[in-house]
Amino acid sequence: MDFSDEDDDEDCFGSRFNDGVNEEEEDEEGFVFNDDVEENEEEEGFASDFYKAGSDWSCLVEDEETDSSSVKKMKQSNLFQIWGLQENSPDTTKKMKQTDLFQSWGLQNPSPFTSPASNSAKKTTSALGKRRRDSSFSNDSPRPCPFYKKLPGTPFTVDAFRYGCVQGCSAYFLTHFHADHYIGLTKAWSHGPIYCSSLTSRLLRLSLSVNPSSIHPLELDVEYTINGIKVTLIEANHCPGAALIHFRLLDGTCYLHTGDFRASKQMQTHPLLFNQRVHVLYLDTTYCNPRYKFPSKEDVLSYVVRITKDFLRKQPKTLIVVGSYSIGKECVYLAIAKALGVKIFANASRRRILQSFGWDDISKNLSTDGKATCLHVLPMSSLKVERLDEHLKIYREQYGAVLAFRPTGWTYSEKIGEHLDLIKPTSRGKITIYGVPYSEHSSFTELREFVQFLRPDKIIPTVNNGNAGTREKMQSCFREWLRR
C-alpha cells in the first residue's frame, strides 16, 4: 500500500482536547500511536481494577493528600517503573549508551554512519513527529498488548496486530482498513486468523498481500459463532468496509467495539442495539471534546456541490480536486461527479482500491485519463498550494484554475459551526482551497447521543487515552451523559 495518502498528512500526537489543533497535524484516520498507556501494568492490577471501576475511574486515583516526605524520596528507579522501563542499577545507569536509550524508547538504533549534527535544526524539528510515528511501523520488537485491545472473557483482540502474537489470543479482529488499525499486518502474518468485513478482507489481500488462508471475511448483520461467542458486524458509517463489532459471550455479557465510526440515527434502529443491553462500550473518542459539533455529512456535501457549480459558472475552465486518504471521503467526489455528470480521475493505485469495493457508481465512473475529466482525486497531503500549482501545470492547456476541497473534521471551526457559508477559502494565484468539515468520525454531540441511547455499564475510550488528564476529561463527560 502507498502510505503517501496518510504519512505526509497525519502527524497528530497531541490530545483531541488540545484546542490549538494545527491543520498540518490533523489526523482524520486516528494516527495516534499511544498504545503504550498502561500496557506494562499487571493484568490483575490496573486492568482488572479498571474493568471493575465502570465509567468512574476515580477509585483508581491515589489520594491527593500524599505525604510530602514520600514525594521527596522518589527515586529514579520509581520513574523507570512508571515509564514501563527496566530498572537500572547505579552501575548500569552510568554505563547506559545512547543505543540503549533508543531501545528503551522503542526506536531503531541510529546508524553509526549518520550524525544527528549533520542535519539542520529545522530539518530535525520538522521530522520529529514523523520519526515518532514511523517508529511504530519500524520497531521490530513486539510490545505488550494493552488491556483495552483485549476483550475480557474471550480469546479475542481488536485492532492489535502491531503486538505480534498476543498470549491467549486465538482470533484477531480488524475493524477497518486504516493504517493505524491494521499496523503490523503483512504478508508474513502467521499469528492467528483475522476476522473483518468482506470489503476489508479484499483490501488486505490487494494492498498488503496478506495470505488469504489467514483472512476470514464476515458479512454485515450476519451472526457468526466464533469460539463459542456470537459475533456480528454492523455498518460503522466511517470508511468503506468499516464495522462496529458486537460480541455476545456465553454468559450473556455484551461488548460493542466501535472501531472508528460516525454515530447516526440509523444505528439506533439496529436490532442488536435498540432496547438491548451493552455492558462494555469500546468507544471511538477521536472528537470527544465539546468544541466539535460538526454539521451533517449531507449538509457538507450539498455545500461542496453548490460551491463547485458557482465556481464553474464564473470560471468554466476550472479543475476540481478532492483530497482523500487511501480509502475514505468517497462520498465527496461522488457527489460532485453526479452533480456535474463527469467521471472521476484517480491514479492506478487508487483505481484498483476503488474498484475492489464493488460499487457500481464508482467503478463505472472512473477515468484513466486526467485530461478526460475535470474532477481529480489526490492524496490529502497534496492539498497544498504549491502541489496543486504543479498539478495544474500538467493540464494547463485545458484548465486555468484549481478549486480544491480538503474534507476533514479538523477544518471545523466553532465560529463557523453549521454556517458553512462563512467558510473562507485559501486563495493564492490560480489555486483556491476550501477546508470543509466533512468528518467520518462522530462529533461530540453525536457521541453524547449515542452513549445516552446505549447507556452502557462501562465505557472504554480507544483514542487519546494515553494521558491521565485527557482520560479524566472524557470520563467526566461519560458520567455526565449517563446521569441524564
Protein backbone atom coordinates (compact mmCIF):
# COMPACT_ATOMS: atom_id res chain seq x y z
CA MET A 1 0.00 0.00 0.00
CA ASP A 2 1.14 3.51 -0.73
CA PHE A 3 1.28 5.34 2.60
CA SER A 4 1.65 8.75 0.94
CA ASP A 5 -2.08 9.29 1.38
CA GLU A 6 -1.59 9.36 5.12
CA ASP A 7 2.02 9.83 6.10
CA ASP A 8 2.54 13.40 4.94
CA ASP A 9 -0.70 14.50 6.46
CA GLU A 10 -1.01 12.71 9.75
CA ASP A 11 1.33 13.96 12.46
CA CYS A 12 -1.04 14.40 15.35
CA PHE A 13 0.19 13.09 18.69
CA GLY A 14 -1.49 15.60 20.99
CA SER A 15 -4.76 15.21 22.76
CA ARG A 16 -8.01 15.92 20.98
CA PHE A 17 -8.66 18.18 23.95
CA ASN A 18 -5.95 20.47 22.64
CA ASP A 19 -7.88 23.41 21.29
CA GLY A 20 -4.95 24.60 19.23
CA VAL A 21 -5.09 21.87 16.61
CA ASN A 22 -2.92 22.70 13.64
CA GLU A 23 -4.27 21.66 10.26
CA GLU A 24 -0.83 20.32 9.41
CA GLU A 25 -1.18 17.96 12.38
CA GLU A 26 -4.65 16.72 11.62
CA ASP A 27 -5.45 13.07 11.94
CA GLU A 28 -8.76 12.10 10.42
CA GLU A 29 -7.77 8.46 10.45
CA GLY A 30 -6.77 8.48 14.07
CA PHE A 31 -3.00 8.18 13.71
CA VAL A 32 -2.26 8.48 17.40
CA PHE A 33 0.02 5.61 18.31
CA ASN A 34 -0.48 5.90 22.06
CA ASP A 35 -0.96 2.24 22.79
CA ASP A 36 1.81 2.42 25.38
CA VAL A 37 -0.57 3.58 28.08
CA GLU A 38 -0.77 1.14 30.97
CA GLU A 39 0.37 -1.66 28.66
CA ASN A 40 3.04 -2.82 31.11
CA GLU A 41 0.66 -2.97 34.05
CA GLU A 42 -0.07 -6.39 35.54
CA GLU A 43 -3.26 -7.91 34.14
CA GLU A 44 -4.54 -8.48 37.67
CA GLY A 45 -3.57 -4.95 38.68
CA PHE A 46 -4.66 -1.85 36.83
CA ALA A 47 -6.55 -3.63 34.07
CA SER A 48 -8.77 -5.70 36.38
CA ASP A 49 -9.37 -2.69 38.62
CA PHE A 50 -10.28 -0.66 35.55
CA TYR A 51 -12.97 -3.07 34.44
CA LYS A 52 -14.38 -3.17 37.96
CA ALA A 53 -14.49 0.63 38.08
CA GLY A 54 -17.15 1.08 35.41
CA SER A 55 -17.20 4.56 33.90
CA ASP A 56 -15.79 6.07 37.10
CA TRP A 57 -12.02 5.86 37.30
CA SER A 58 -11.77 7.91 40.48
CA CYS A 59 -11.17 4.81 42.58
CA LEU A 60 -8.01 4.19 40.59
CA VAL A 61 -6.53 7.57 41.52
CA GLU A 62 -4.43 7.80 44.65
CA ASP A 63 -5.50 10.17 47.41
CA GLU A 64 -4.38 13.74 46.83
CA GLU A 65 -3.18 14.05 50.43
CA THR A 66 0.18 12.46 49.85
CA ASP A 67 2.91 12.64 52.43
CA SER A 68 5.33 15.27 51.15
CA SER A 69 8.26 13.36 52.58
CA SER A 70 7.41 10.35 50.45
CA VAL A 71 7.40 12.57 47.36
CA LYS A 72 10.86 13.87 48.16
CA LYS A 73 12.16 10.31 48.49
CA MET A 74 11.06 9.28 44.96
CA LYS A 75 13.97 7.52 43.27
CA GLN A 76 14.96 7.25 39.64
CA SER A 77 14.05 3.55 39.81
CA ASN A 78 10.44 4.53 40.53
CA LEU A 79 10.37 6.67 37.39
CA PHE A 80 11.69 3.79 35.34
CA GLN A 81 8.84 1.65 36.69
CA ILE A 82 6.29 4.36 35.89
CA TRP A 83 7.60 4.59 32.33
CA GLY A 84 7.48 0.83 31.93
CA LEU A 85 11.26 0.56 31.53
CA GLN A 86 13.62 -1.87 33.23
CA GLU A 87 15.05 -0.69 36.49
CA ASN A 88 18.78 0.01 36.27
CA SER A 89 21.33 -0.22 38.98
CA PRO A 90 23.65 2.77 39.58
CA ASP A 91 26.45 0.92 37.84
CA THR A 92 24.45 0.02 34.74
CA THR A 93 22.95 3.51 34.60
CA LYS A 94 26.40 5.03 34.34
CA LYS A 95 27.25 2.64 31.53
CA MET A 96 24.00 3.22 29.61
CA LYS A 97 24.68 4.11 25.99
CA GLN A 98 22.62 6.15 23.57
CA THR A 99 21.68 2.96 21.73
CA ASP A 100 20.26 1.54 24.97
CA LEU A 101 18.01 4.58 25.29
CA PHE A 102 16.76 4.14 21.75
CA GLN A 103 15.90 0.53 22.56
CA SER A 104 14.09 1.61 25.74
CA TRP A 105 12.04 4.14 23.84
CA GLY A 106 11.09 1.60 21.16
CA LEU A 107 13.06 3.34 18.40
CA GLN A 108 15.53 1.88 15.96
CA ASN A 109 19.19 2.26 16.83
CA PRO A 110 20.77 5.15 14.92
CA SER A 111 23.26 4.15 12.27
CA PRO A 112 26.90 4.70 13.32
CA PHE A 113 27.49 6.30 9.95
CA THR A 114 24.99 9.11 10.42
CA SER A 115 25.48 12.00 12.75
CA PRO A 116 22.49 13.96 14.10
CA ALA A 117 24.65 17.05 13.99
CA SER A 118 24.85 16.78 10.21
CA ASN A 119 21.19 17.76 9.90
CA SER A 120 20.00 21.29 10.33
CA ALA A 121 17.88 22.17 13.33
CA LYS A 122 14.97 22.99 11.05
CA LYS A 123 15.05 19.54 9.42
CA THR A 124 15.24 17.84 12.79
CA THR A 125 12.26 19.76 14.14
CA SER A 126 10.05 19.20 11.11
CA ALA A 127 10.83 15.48 11.00
CA LEU A 128 10.37 14.84 14.73
CA GLY A 129 6.68 13.99 14.61
CA LYS A 130 7.17 11.79 11.54
CA ARG A 131 10.03 9.86 13.20
CA ARG A 132 7.90 9.27 16.27
CA ARG A 133 5.12 7.86 14.17
CA ASP A 134 7.41 5.89 11.88
CA SER A 135 9.00 4.22 14.89
CA SER A 136 5.68 2.46 15.40
CA PHE A 137 5.97 0.98 11.93
CA SER A 138 9.68 0.16 12.11
CA ASN A 139 10.00 -1.27 15.60
CA ASP A 140 10.93 -4.93 15.16
CA SER A 141 10.22 -6.00 18.74
CA PRO A 142 6.57 -6.77 19.53
CA ARG A 143 5.33 -4.82 22.54
CA PRO A 144 2.87 -5.99 25.19
CA CYS A 145 -0.72 -5.67 24.01
CA PRO A 146 -2.57 -3.04 26.08
CA PHE A 147 -5.56 -4.34 28.02
CA TYR A 148 -8.09 -2.15 26.19
CA LYS A 149 -7.40 -4.02 22.96
CA LYS A 150 -8.33 -7.32 24.60
CA LEU A 151 -11.88 -8.48 25.32
CA PRO A 152 -12.10 -9.97 28.84
CA GLY A 153 -13.55 -13.47 28.96
CA THR A 154 -12.67 -14.10 25.32
CA PRO A 155 -9.57 -15.15 23.36
CA PHE A 156 -10.10 -12.08 21.11
CA THR A 157 -8.25 -8.85 20.41
CA VAL A 158 -9.39 -5.91 18.27
CA ASP A 159 -7.02 -3.86 16.06
CA ALA A 160 -4.00 -5.28 17.90
CA PHE A 161 -1.79 -6.52 15.06
CA ARG A 162 1.26 -4.45 15.94
CA TYR A 163 1.82 -6.59 19.05
CA GLY A 164 2.62 -9.76 17.13
CA CYS A 165 1.47 -12.97 18.75
CA VAL A 166 -0.67 -11.93 21.71
CA GLN A 167 -0.66 -14.50 24.51
CA GLY A 168 -4.03 -16.19 24.88
CA CYS A 169 -5.40 -14.72 21.65
CA SER A 170 -6.82 -17.16 19.12
CA ALA A 171 -8.72 -14.66 16.92
CA TYR A 172 -7.68 -11.19 15.75
CA PHE A 173 -10.41 -8.75 14.70
CA LEU A 174 -9.87 -5.77 12.38
CA THR A 175 -12.48 -3.01 12.38
CA HIS A 176 -11.41 -1.31 9.12
CA PHE A 177 -8.63 -0.71 6.63
CA HIS A 178 -6.84 2.34 8.02
CA ALA A 179 -3.15 2.05 8.78
CA ASP A 180 -3.35 2.88 12.48
CA HIS A 181 -5.69 -0.10 12.91
CA TYR A 182 -4.03 -2.71 10.69
CA ILE A 183 -0.43 -1.75 11.51
CA GLY A 184 1.57 -4.94 11.97
CA LEU A 185 -0.31 -6.90 9.31
CA THR A 186 1.93 -8.07 6.47
CA LYS A 187 2.05 -10.95 4.03
CA ALA A 188 4.13 -12.77 6.66
CA TRP A 189 1.33 -12.69 9.27
CA SER A 190 1.03 -16.12 10.93
CA HIS A 191 -0.19 -15.44 14.47
CA GLY A 192 -3.81 -16.42 14.03
CA PRO A 193 -7.00 -15.95 11.99
CA ILE A 194 -8.04 -12.41 11.03
CA TYR A 195 -11.75 -11.56 11.14
CA CYS A 196 -13.04 -8.48 9.31
CA SER A 197 -15.68 -7.35 6.82
CA SER A 198 -15.65 -8.74 3.28
CA LEU A 199 -14.58 -5.43 1.77
CA THR A 200 -11.74 -5.06 4.28
CA SER A 201 -10.62 -8.61 3.54
CA ARG A 202 -10.29 -7.74 -0.16
CA LEU A 203 -8.16 -4.72 0.72
CA LEU A 204 -5.90 -6.85 2.93
CA ARG A 205 -5.19 -9.15 0.01
CA LEU A 206 -4.92 -6.40 -2.59
CA SER A 207 -2.83 -3.84 -0.71
CA LEU A 208 -0.94 -5.84 1.92
CA SER A 209 -0.75 -9.27 0.23
CA VAL A 210 -1.95 -10.97 3.42
CA ASN A 211 -2.28 -14.71 2.97
CA PRO A 212 -5.96 -15.43 2.12
CA SER A 213 -5.87 -18.52 4.33
CA SER A 214 -5.42 -16.22 7.35
CA ILE A 215 -8.39 -14.00 6.47
CA HIS A 216 -11.95 -14.87 7.48
CA PRO A 217 -14.38 -12.35 5.93
CA LEU A 218 -17.67 -11.71 7.73
CA GLU A 219 -20.79 -10.22 6.19
CA LEU A 220 -22.53 -7.30 7.87
CA ASP A 221 -25.59 -8.06 10.01
CA VAL A 222 -24.97 -11.81 9.99
CA GLU A 223 -24.42 -13.53 13.35
CA TYR A 224 -21.39 -15.83 13.49
CA THR A 225 -20.28 -18.11 16.31
CA ILE A 226 -16.52 -17.93 16.84
CA ASN A 227 -15.01 -19.93 19.70
CA GLY A 228 -18.49 -20.18 21.21
CA ILE A 229 -19.01 -16.39 21.16
CA LYS A 230 -21.65 -14.76 18.94
CA VAL A 231 -20.13 -12.05 16.72
CA THR A 232 -21.98 -9.61 14.45
CA LEU A 233 -20.59 -6.78 12.30
CA ILE A 234 -22.64 -3.58 11.97
CA GLU A 235 -22.12 -0.74 9.48
CA ALA A 236 -19.86 1.89 11.10
CA ASN A 237 -20.59 4.88 8.81
CA HIS A 238 -16.83 5.51 8.56
CA CYS A 239 -14.76 4.41 5.55
CA PRO A 240 -15.79 1.62 3.16
CA GLY A 241 -15.73 -1.73 4.95
CA ALA A 242 -15.61 -0.24 8.45
CA ALA A 243 -17.68 -2.08 11.03
CA LEU A 244 -18.82 -1.91 14.62
CA ILE A 245 -18.28 -5.33 16.20
CA HIS A 246 -20.89 -6.74 18.58
CA PHE A 247 -19.83 -9.64 20.83
CA ARG A 248 -22.21 -11.73 22.95
CA LEU A 249 -20.46 -14.04 25.42
CA LEU A 250 -21.80 -17.35 26.68
CA ASP A 251 -22.85 -15.74 29.98
CA GLY A 252 -24.85 -13.07 28.13
CA THR A 253 -22.27 -10.28 28.54
CA CYS A 254 -22.26 -7.94 25.52
CA TYR A 255 -19.39 -5.86 24.22
CA LEU A 256 -19.68 -3.30 21.44
CA HIS A 257 -16.46 -2.15 19.81
CA THR A 258 -17.00 0.86 17.56
CA GLY A 259 -13.58 0.91 15.89
CA ASP A 260 -13.76 4.28 14.11
CA PHE A 261 -17.34 5.35 13.43
CA ARG A 262 -19.73 8.21 12.92
CA ALA A 263 -22.80 7.66 15.06
CA SER A 264 -26.13 8.06 13.29
CA LYS A 265 -29.84 7.73 13.99
CA GLN A 266 -29.95 4.65 11.78
CA MET A 267 -27.66 2.79 14.19
CA GLN A 268 -30.22 3.27 16.93
CA THR A 269 -32.69 1.12 14.98
CA HIS A 270 -30.38 -1.89 14.74
CA PRO A 271 -31.94 -4.94 16.45
CA LEU A 272 -28.74 -5.66 18.41
CA LEU A 273 -28.67 -2.11 19.81
CA PHE A 274 -32.29 -0.99 20.11
CA ASN A 275 -33.54 -1.75 23.66
CA GLN A 276 -30.61 -4.10 24.13
CA ARG A 277 -28.06 -4.17 26.97
CA VAL A 278 -24.43 -3.32 26.20
CA HIS A 279 -22.19 -3.99 29.18
CA VAL A 280 -18.93 -2.58 27.83
CA LEU A 281 -18.62 0.02 25.06
CA TYR A 282 -15.22 0.46 23.40
CA LEU A 283 -15.71 3.96 22.03
CA ASP A 284 -14.03 5.96 19.24
CA THR A 285 -13.21 9.17 21.13
CA THR A 286 -11.37 11.00 18.34
CA TYR A 287 -13.55 14.10 18.77
CA CYS A 288 -14.61 13.72 22.40
CA ASN A 289 -14.36 17.44 23.01
CA PRO A 290 -17.29 19.88 23.38
CA ARG A 291 -15.83 22.17 20.72
CA TYR A 292 -16.55 19.68 17.92
CA LYS A 293 -20.16 19.92 16.74
CA PHE A 294 -20.00 19.09 13.05
CA PRO A 295 -22.70 19.79 10.52
CA SER A 296 -24.20 16.67 9.00
CA LYS A 297 -22.49 14.88 6.12
CA GLU A 298 -25.45 15.70 3.89
CA ASP A 299 -25.21 19.43 4.60
CA VAL A 300 -21.48 19.47 3.82
CA LEU A 301 -21.99 17.56 0.55
CA SER A 302 -24.72 19.99 -0.55
CA TYR A 303 -22.40 22.89 0.26
CA VAL A 304 -19.49 21.39 -1.72
CA VAL A 305 -21.71 20.83 -4.78
CA ARG A 306 -23.09 24.37 -4.59
CA ILE A 307 -19.63 25.94 -4.29
CA THR A 308 -18.42 23.85 -7.23
CA LYS A 309 -21.29 24.89 -9.51
CA ASP A 310 -20.95 28.56 -8.56
CA PHE A 311 -17.21 28.49 -9.21
CA LEU A 312 -17.63 26.83 -12.61
CA ARG A 313 -20.20 29.42 -13.66
CA LYS A 314 -17.61 32.13 -13.08
CA GLN A 315 -14.59 30.15 -14.35
CA PRO A 316 -15.69 27.30 -16.64
CA LYS A 317 -12.11 26.12 -17.22
CA THR A 318 -11.56 25.03 -13.63
CA LEU A 319 -10.03 21.75 -12.46
CA ILE A 320 -11.85 20.34 -9.42
CA VAL A 321 -9.68 18.44 -6.90
CA VAL A 322 -10.84 16.48 -3.86
CA GLY A 323 -8.37 15.33 -1.20
CA SER A 324 -8.72 11.80 0.10
CA TYR A 325 -6.97 9.13 2.16
CA SER A 326 -6.23 5.66 0.78
CA ILE A 327 -9.89 4.96 1.50
CA GLY A 328 -12.47 7.38 2.82
CA LYS A 329 -14.07 10.63 1.51
CA GLU A 330 -15.54 8.81 -1.49
CA CYS A 331 -18.94 10.43 -0.91
CA VAL A 332 -17.47 13.88 -1.51
CA TYR A 333 -16.17 13.29 -5.00
CA LEU A 334 -19.12 11.03 -5.86
CA ALA A 335 -21.50 13.88 -5.02
CA ILE A 336 -19.58 16.24 -7.31
CA ALA A 337 -19.39 13.65 -10.11
CA LYS A 338 -23.14 13.07 -10.02
CA ALA A 339 -23.96 16.79 -9.84
CA LEU A 340 -21.74 17.64 -12.82
CA GLY A 341 -22.25 14.44 -14.79
CA VAL A 342 -18.50 13.83 -15.06
CA LYS A 343 -16.15 10.93 -14.42
CA ILE A 344 -13.56 10.69 -11.64
CA PHE A 345 -9.84 10.60 -12.35
CA ALA A 346 -7.51 8.86 -9.90
CA ASN A 347 -4.10 7.22 -10.25
CA ALA A 348 -3.79 3.49 -10.96
CA SER A 349 -3.22 2.54 -7.32
CA ARG A 350 -6.33 4.34 -6.12
CA ARG A 351 -8.40 2.98 -9.02
CA ARG A 352 -7.52 -0.59 -8.05
CA ILE A 353 -8.64 0.10 -4.48
CA LEU A 354 -11.87 1.81 -5.56
CA GLN A 355 -12.73 -0.98 -7.98
CA SER A 356 -12.24 -3.54 -5.22
CA PHE A 357 -15.23 -2.02 -3.37
CA GLY A 358 -17.60 -3.49 -5.95
CA TRP A 359 -19.59 -0.25 -6.04
CA ASP A 360 -21.09 0.34 -9.50
CA ASP A 361 -21.46 4.10 -9.01
CA ILE A 362 -17.68 4.34 -8.55
CA SER A 363 -16.40 1.58 -10.86
CA LYS A 364 -18.43 2.83 -13.84
CA ASN A 365 -17.35 6.42 -13.33
CA LEU A 366 -13.58 6.05 -13.02
CA SER A 367 -11.35 7.60 -15.68
CA THR A 368 -7.81 6.56 -16.55
CA ASP A 369 -7.12 9.85 -18.34
CA GLY A 370 -6.73 13.05 -16.31
CA LYS A 371 -7.44 15.10 -19.42
CA ALA A 372 -10.80 13.43 -19.97
CA THR A 373 -12.48 14.87 -16.86
CA CYS A 374 -12.35 17.99 -14.71
CA LEU A 375 -12.69 16.01 -11.44
CA HIS A 376 -9.47 14.65 -9.92
CA VAL A 377 -8.85 12.82 -6.63
CA LEU A 378 -5.46 13.40 -4.98
CA PRO A 379 -3.91 12.37 -1.65
CA MET A 380 -4.88 14.67 1.21
CA SER A 381 -1.20 15.58 1.52
CA SER A 382 -1.34 17.13 -1.98
CA LEU A 383 -3.89 19.74 -0.89
CA LYS A 384 -1.26 22.47 -0.68
CA VAL A 385 -0.97 25.48 -2.98
CA GLU A 386 2.47 24.52 -4.28
CA ARG A 387 1.49 20.93 -5.12
CA LEU A 388 -1.79 21.93 -6.71
CA ASP A 389 0.02 24.53 -8.79
CA GLU A 390 2.32 21.77 -10.07
CA HIS A 391 -0.70 19.59 -10.82
CA LEU A 392 -2.36 22.42 -12.75
CA LYS A 393 0.74 22.84 -14.95
CA ILE A 394 0.21 19.30 -16.28
CA TYR A 395 -3.24 20.32 -17.56
CA ARG A 396 -2.58 23.99 -18.33
CA GLU A 397 -3.81 23.61 -21.91
CA GLN A 398 -7.30 22.76 -20.66
CA TYR A 399 -7.65 24.47 -17.29
CA GLY A 400 -6.76 27.88 -15.95
CA ALA A 401 -7.58 27.40 -12.26
CA VAL A 402 -7.96 24.80 -9.50
CA LEU A 403 -10.80 24.54 -6.99
CA ALA A 404 -9.83 22.06 -4.27
CA PHE A 405 -11.69 20.62 -1.29
CA ARG A 406 -9.98 19.37 1.85
CA PRO A 407 -12.72 17.34 3.59
CA THR A 408 -11.77 16.65 7.21
CA GLY A 409 -13.19 17.27 10.64
CA TRP A 410 -10.05 19.16 11.63
CA THR A 411 -11.11 22.07 9.43
CA TYR A 412 -14.11 22.62 11.71
CA SER A 413 -14.31 25.99 13.44
CA GLU A 414 -16.57 26.85 16.36
CA LYS A 415 -17.04 30.32 14.90
CA ILE A 416 -18.48 28.85 11.73
CA GLY A 417 -20.32 25.92 13.28
CA GLU A 418 -23.09 24.86 10.93
CA HIS A 419 -22.96 28.14 8.98
CA LEU A 420 -20.91 26.74 6.13
CA ASP A 421 -21.25 29.89 4.04
CA LEU A 422 -18.90 31.59 6.50
CA ILE A 423 -16.01 29.35 5.39
CA LYS A 424 -13.22 31.40 3.87
CA PRO A 425 -11.09 29.54 1.31
CA THR A 426 -7.34 29.83 0.93
CA SER A 427 -6.68 31.56 -2.37
CA ARG A 428 -3.33 32.18 -3.99
CA GLY A 429 -2.93 32.88 -7.68
CA LYS A 430 -4.89 30.29 -9.63
CA ILE A 431 -5.42 27.98 -6.64
CA THR A 432 -8.44 28.03 -4.30
CA ILE A 433 -8.69 25.55 -1.43
CA TYR A 434 -11.77 25.04 0.74
CA GLY A 435 -11.38 23.25 4.07
CA VAL A 436 -14.78 21.67 4.70
CA PRO A 437 -15.78 19.91 7.97
CA TYR A 438 -16.68 16.59 6.40
CA SER A 439 -15.80 14.03 9.06
CA GLU A 440 -16.13 10.28 9.17
CA HIS A 441 -15.82 10.27 12.97
CA SER A 442 -18.56 11.14 15.47
CA SER A 443 -18.78 14.70 16.69
CA PHE A 444 -19.02 15.40 20.41
CA THR A 445 -22.79 15.80 20.24
CA GLU A 446 -23.16 12.58 18.23
CA LEU A 447 -21.04 10.69 20.77
CA ARG A 448 -23.20 12.02 23.59
CA GLU A 449 -26.43 10.98 21.86
CA PHE A 450 -25.04 7.53 21.06
CA VAL A 451 -23.90 6.91 24.64
CA GLN A 452 -27.20 8.14 26.08
CA PHE A 453 -29.03 5.84 23.66
CA LEU A 454 -26.98 2.75 24.60
CA ARG A 455 -26.45 3.54 28.29
CA PRO A 456 -23.60 1.02 28.67
CA ASP A 457 -22.32 -0.12 32.05
CA LYS A 458 -18.73 0.79 31.17
CA ILE A 459 -17.14 2.98 28.52
CA ILE A 460 -13.55 2.45 27.40
CA PRO A 461 -12.10 5.21 25.18
CA THR A 462 -9.96 3.83 22.37
CA VAL A 463 -8.46 7.12 21.13
CA ASN A 464 -6.42 9.72 23.07
CA ASN A 465 -6.29 7.53 26.14
CA GLY A 466 -2.55 7.93 26.71
CA ASN A 467 -2.80 10.90 29.06
CA ALA A 468 -4.34 10.75 32.54
CA GLY A 469 -5.75 14.27 32.30
CA THR A 470 -7.40 13.58 28.97
CA ARG A 471 -8.82 10.29 30.20
CA GLU A 472 -10.37 12.00 33.19
CA LYS A 473 -11.93 14.70 30.98
CA MET A 474 -13.50 12.02 28.83
CA GLN A 475 -14.71 10.01 31.81
CA SER A 476 -16.20 13.18 33.28
CA CYS A 477 -18.17 13.60 30.04
CA PHE A 478 -19.32 9.97 30.18
CA ARG A 479 -20.54 10.29 33.77
CA GLU A 480 -22.44 13.47 32.90
CA TRP A 481 -24.06 11.86 29.85
CA LEU A 482 -25.17 8.78 31.77
CA ARG A 483 -26.69 10.82 34.62
CA ARG A 484 -29.33 12.17 32.26
